[in-house]
Amino acid sequence: MSESEDITFEDALKQLEEIVHELDESELTLDNALAKFETGVALSRLCHRQLDDAEMRIEQLIEDDCEGGAEVRTEQMMLD
């Protein structure tokens, strides 16, 4: 999987969850498990990058809104 591949956050997360399930429940060979793990790492990085991009867009929208005179309060979100 190419990290620059166009894939939605939701699809990447679903694939990542499937890989975790396969690694937990399957009796994969070492080579297959390693390949799945590498794919999972790439998907995880993609998800993090997409979340970071979304956070930056939200912060920009809030900043733009505040410059227009609106008062907006932000709070740090914790992800599990």
N, C-alpha and C. Protein backbone atom coordinates (compact mmCIF):
# COMPACT_ATOMS: atom_id res chain seq x y z
N MET A 1 0.84 -1.19 0.00
CA MET A 1 0.00 0.00 0.00
C MET A 1 0.87 1.23 0.00
N SER A 2 0.55 2.15 -0.87
CA SER A 2 1.25 3.42 -0.94
C SER A 2 0.60 4.40 0.03
N GLU A 3 1.42 5.09 0.83
CA GLU A 3 0.87 6.03 1.80
C GLU A 3 0.17 7.19 1.13
N SER A 4 0.51 7.50 -0.11
CA SER A 4 -0.11 8.61 -0.81
C SER A 4 -1.39 8.19 -1.52
N GLU A 5 -1.76 6.93 -1.39
CA GLU A 5 -2.97 6.41 -2.04
C GLU A 5 -4.20 7.16 -1.54
N ASP A 6 -5.12 7.49 -2.45
CA ASP A 6 -6.34 8.18 -2.07
C ASP A 6 -7.28 7.19 -1.42
N ILE A 7 -7.48 7.34 -0.12
CA ILE A 7 -8.36 6.48 0.64
C ILE A 7 -8.98 7.34 1.74
N THR A 8 -10.25 7.12 1.99
CA THR A 8 -10.90 7.91 3.03
C THR A 8 -10.40 7.47 4.40
N PHE A 9 -10.56 8.36 5.37
CA PHE A 9 -10.19 8.04 6.74
C PHE A 9 -10.96 6.82 7.22
N GLU A 10 -12.25 6.81 6.92
CA GLU A 10 -13.11 5.70 7.38
C GLU A 10 -12.68 4.36 6.78
N ASP A 11 -12.34 4.36 5.49
CA ASP A 11 -11.89 3.11 4.86
C ASP A 11 -10.54 2.66 5.42
N ALA A 12 -9.65 3.61 5.64
CA ALA A 12 -8.33 3.27 6.20
C ALA A 12 -8.49 2.69 7.60
N LEU A 13 -9.36 3.31 8.40
CA LEU A 13 -9.58 2.82 9.76
C LEU A 13 -10.20 1.43 9.76
N LYS A 14 -11.14 1.20 8.85
CA LYS A 14 -11.77 -0.12 8.74
C LYS A 14 -10.73 -1.18 8.37
N GLN A 15 -9.87 -0.86 7.39
CA GLN A 15 -8.82 -1.80 7.00
C GLN A 15 -7.85 -2.06 8.15
N LEU A 16 -7.53 -1.01 8.88
CA LEU A 16 -6.64 -1.16 10.03
C LEU A 16 -7.25 -2.07 11.09
N GLU A 17 -8.54 -1.89 11.36
CA GLU A 17 -9.23 -2.75 12.33
C GLU A 17 -9.23 -4.21 11.87
N GLU A 18 -9.42 -4.43 10.57
CA GLU A 18 -9.40 -5.80 10.03
C GLU A 18 -8.02 -6.43 10.19
N ILE A 19 -6.98 -5.64 9.96
CA ILE A 19 -5.61 -6.16 10.11
C ILE A 19 -5.35 -6.53 11.57
N VAL A 20 -5.77 -5.67 12.49
CA VAL A 20 -5.58 -5.96 13.92
C VAL A 20 -6.29 -7.26 14.28
N HIS A 21 -7.51 -7.42 13.79
CA HIS A 21 -8.27 -8.65 14.05
C HIS A 21 -7.54 -9.87 13.48
N GLU A 22 -7.05 -9.76 12.26
CA GLU A 22 -6.34 -10.87 11.63
C GLU A 22 -5.07 -11.22 12.41
N LEU A 23 -4.35 -10.21 12.86
CA LEU A 23 -3.13 -10.47 13.62
C LEU A 23 -3.44 -11.12 14.97
N ASP A 24 -4.57 -10.72 15.57
CA ASP A 24 -4.95 -11.28 16.87
C ASP A 24 -5.51 -12.69 16.75
N GLU A 25 -6.29 -12.95 15.71
CA GLU A 25 -7.06 -14.18 15.63
C GLU A 25 -6.51 -15.24 14.67
N SER A 26 -5.68 -14.85 13.75
CA SER A 26 -5.21 -15.78 12.72
C SER A 26 -3.87 -16.39 13.09
N GLU A 27 -3.63 -17.53 12.50
CA GLU A 27 -2.34 -18.18 12.65
C GLU A 27 -1.55 -17.92 11.38
N LEU A 28 -1.09 -16.69 11.26
CA LEU A 28 -0.35 -16.27 10.07
C LEU A 28 1.11 -16.71 10.20
N THR A 29 1.72 -16.89 9.04
CA THR A 29 3.16 -17.13 9.06
C THR A 29 3.84 -15.82 9.46
N LEU A 30 5.08 -15.91 9.86
CA LEU A 30 5.82 -14.72 10.26
C LEU A 30 5.87 -13.71 9.12
N ASP A 31 6.13 -14.17 7.91
CA ASP A 31 6.20 -13.27 6.76
C ASP A 31 4.85 -12.58 6.50
N ASN A 32 3.77 -13.34 6.57
CA ASN A 32 2.44 -12.75 6.36
C ASN A 32 2.08 -11.77 7.47
N ALA A 33 2.41 -12.13 8.71
CA ALA A 33 2.13 -11.24 9.84
C ALA A 33 2.92 -9.94 9.71
N LEU A 34 4.17 -10.05 9.31
CA LEU A 34 5.00 -8.86 9.13
C LEU A 34 4.46 -7.98 8.01
N ALA A 35 4.02 -8.58 6.92
CA ALA A 35 3.45 -7.81 5.81
C ALA A 35 2.17 -7.09 6.26
N LYS A 36 1.33 -7.78 7.02
CA LYS A 36 0.11 -7.16 7.54
C LYS A 36 0.46 -6.02 8.49
N PHE A 37 1.45 -6.23 9.33
CA PHE A 37 1.88 -5.20 10.27
C PHE A 37 2.38 -3.96 9.53
N GLU A 38 3.18 -4.17 8.49
CA GLU A 38 3.69 -3.04 7.69
C GLU A 38 2.54 -2.26 7.05
N THR A 39 1.55 -2.97 6.53
CA THR A 39 0.39 -2.32 5.96
C THR A 39 -0.36 -1.54 7.03
N GLY A 40 -0.48 -2.14 8.21
CA GLY A 40 -1.15 -1.48 9.32
C GLY A 40 -0.45 -0.19 9.74
N VAL A 41 0.87 -0.22 9.77
CA VAL A 41 1.63 0.98 10.12
C VAL A 41 1.37 2.08 9.10
N ALA A 42 1.37 1.73 7.82
CA ALA A 42 1.10 2.72 6.76
C ALA A 42 -0.31 3.29 6.91
N LEU A 43 -1.29 2.44 7.20
CA LEU A 43 -2.66 2.92 7.39
C LEU A 43 -2.77 3.81 8.61
N SER A 44 -2.08 3.45 9.67
CA SER A 44 -2.08 4.26 10.89
C SER A 44 -1.50 5.65 10.62
N ARG A 45 -0.40 5.70 9.89
CA ARG A 45 0.21 6.99 9.55
C ARG A 45 -0.75 7.83 8.70
N LEU A 46 -1.42 7.18 7.76
CA LEU A 46 -2.38 7.87 6.91
C LEU A 46 -3.51 8.46 7.75
N CYS A 47 -4.04 7.67 8.67
CA CYS A 47 -5.12 8.15 9.54
C CYS A 47 -4.66 9.34 10.38
N HIS A 48 -3.48 9.23 10.96
CA HIS A 48 -2.95 10.34 11.77
C HIS A 48 -2.78 11.60 10.93
N ARG A 49 -2.27 11.45 9.73
CA ARG A 49 -2.06 12.60 8.85
C ARG A 49 -3.41 13.24 8.50
N GLN A 50 -4.42 12.41 8.21
CA GLN A 50 -5.73 12.95 7.87
C GLN A 50 -6.37 13.65 9.08
N LEU A 51 -6.19 13.09 10.27
CA LEU A 51 -6.70 13.74 11.48
C LEU A 51 -5.99 15.06 11.73
N ASP A 52 -4.68 15.09 11.54
CA ASP A 52 -3.92 16.33 11.71
C ASP A 52 -4.41 17.39 10.72
N ASP A 53 -4.65 16.99 9.47
CA ASP A 53 -5.14 17.92 8.46
C ASP A 53 -6.52 18.47 8.85
N ALA A 54 -7.39 17.60 9.33
CA ALA A 54 -8.73 18.03 9.73
C ALA A 54 -8.64 19.00 10.91
N GLU A 55 -7.76 18.71 11.86
CA GLU A 55 -7.59 19.59 13.01
C GLU A 55 -7.11 20.97 12.57
N MET A 56 -6.16 21.01 11.64
CA MET A 56 -5.66 22.30 11.14
C MET A 56 -6.77 23.08 10.43
N ARG A 57 -7.60 22.38 9.67
CA ARG A 57 -8.71 23.05 8.97
C ARG A 57 -9.71 23.63 9.97
N ILE A 58 -10.01 22.87 11.02
CA ILE A 58 -10.94 23.35 12.06
C ILE A 58 -10.36 24.56 12.77
N GLU A 59 -9.07 24.49 13.13
CA GLU A 59 -8.43 25.63 13.80
C GLU A 59 -8.45 26.86 12.91
N GLN A 60 -8.24 26.68 11.61
CA GLN A 60 -8.27 27.82 10.69
C GLN A 60 -9.67 28.41 10.61
N LEU A 61 -10.68 27.56 10.55
CA LEU A 61 -12.06 28.05 10.51
C LEU A 61 -12.41 28.82 11.78
N ILE A 62 -11.98 28.29 12.92
CA ILE A 62 -12.25 28.97 14.19
C ILE A 62 -11.51 30.31 14.24
N GLU A 63 -10.27 30.31 13.80
CA GLU A 63 -9.49 31.54 13.78
C GLU A 63 -10.14 32.57 12.87
N ASP A 64 -10.57 32.14 11.69
CA ASP A 64 -11.24 33.05 10.76
C ASP A 64 -12.53 33.59 11.36
N ASP A 65 -13.25 32.73 12.08
CA ASP A 65 -14.50 33.14 12.71
C ASP A 65 -14.24 34.15 13.82
N CYS A 66 -13.18 33.93 14.59
CA CYS A 66 -12.84 34.84 15.69
C CYS A 66 -12.42 36.20 15.14
N GLU A 67 -11.74 36.22 14.03
CA GLU A 67 -11.33 37.49 13.43
C GLU A 67 -12.54 38.28 12.95
N GLY A 68 -13.63 37.59 12.70
CA GLY A 68 -14.86 38.24 12.27
C GLY A 68 -15.68 38.76 13.43
N GLY A 69 -15.21 38.60 14.64
CA GLY A 69 -15.91 39.13 15.80
C GLY A 69 -16.65 38.09 16.62
N ALA A 70 -16.74 36.87 16.16
CA ALA A 70 -17.44 35.83 16.92
C ALA A 70 -16.51 35.28 18.00
N GLU A 71 -17.09 34.94 19.13
CA GLU A 71 -16.30 34.37 20.22
C GLU A 71 -16.48 32.85 20.20
N VAL A 72 -15.37 32.13 20.08
CA VAL A 72 -15.42 30.67 20.00
C VAL A 72 -14.46 30.10 21.03
N ARG A 73 -14.90 29.08 21.76
CA ARG A 73 -14.06 28.42 22.74
C ARG A 73 -13.68 27.04 22.21
N THR A 74 -12.40 26.69 22.30
CA THR A 74 -11.95 25.38 21.84
C THR A 74 -11.43 24.59 23.02
N GLU A 75 -11.55 23.28 22.92
CA GLU A 75 -11.03 22.38 23.94
C GLU A 75 -10.24 21.28 23.26
N GLN A 76 -9.21 20.80 23.93
CA GLN A 76 -8.39 19.71 23.41
C GLN A 76 -9.19 18.42 23.48
N MET A 77 -9.24 17.68 22.38
CA MET A 77 -9.92 16.40 22.35
C MET A 77 -8.93 15.29 22.57
N MET A 78 -9.32 14.30 23.34
CA MET A 78 -8.50 13.13 23.58
C MET A 78 -9.08 11.99 22.78
N LEU A 79 -8.22 11.28 22.00
CA LEU A 79 -8.65 10.12 21.23
C LEU A 79 -8.18 8.86 21.92
N ASP A 80 -9.04 7.87 21.94
CA ASP A 80 -8.64 6.57 22.53
C ASP A 80 -7.85 5.78 21.55
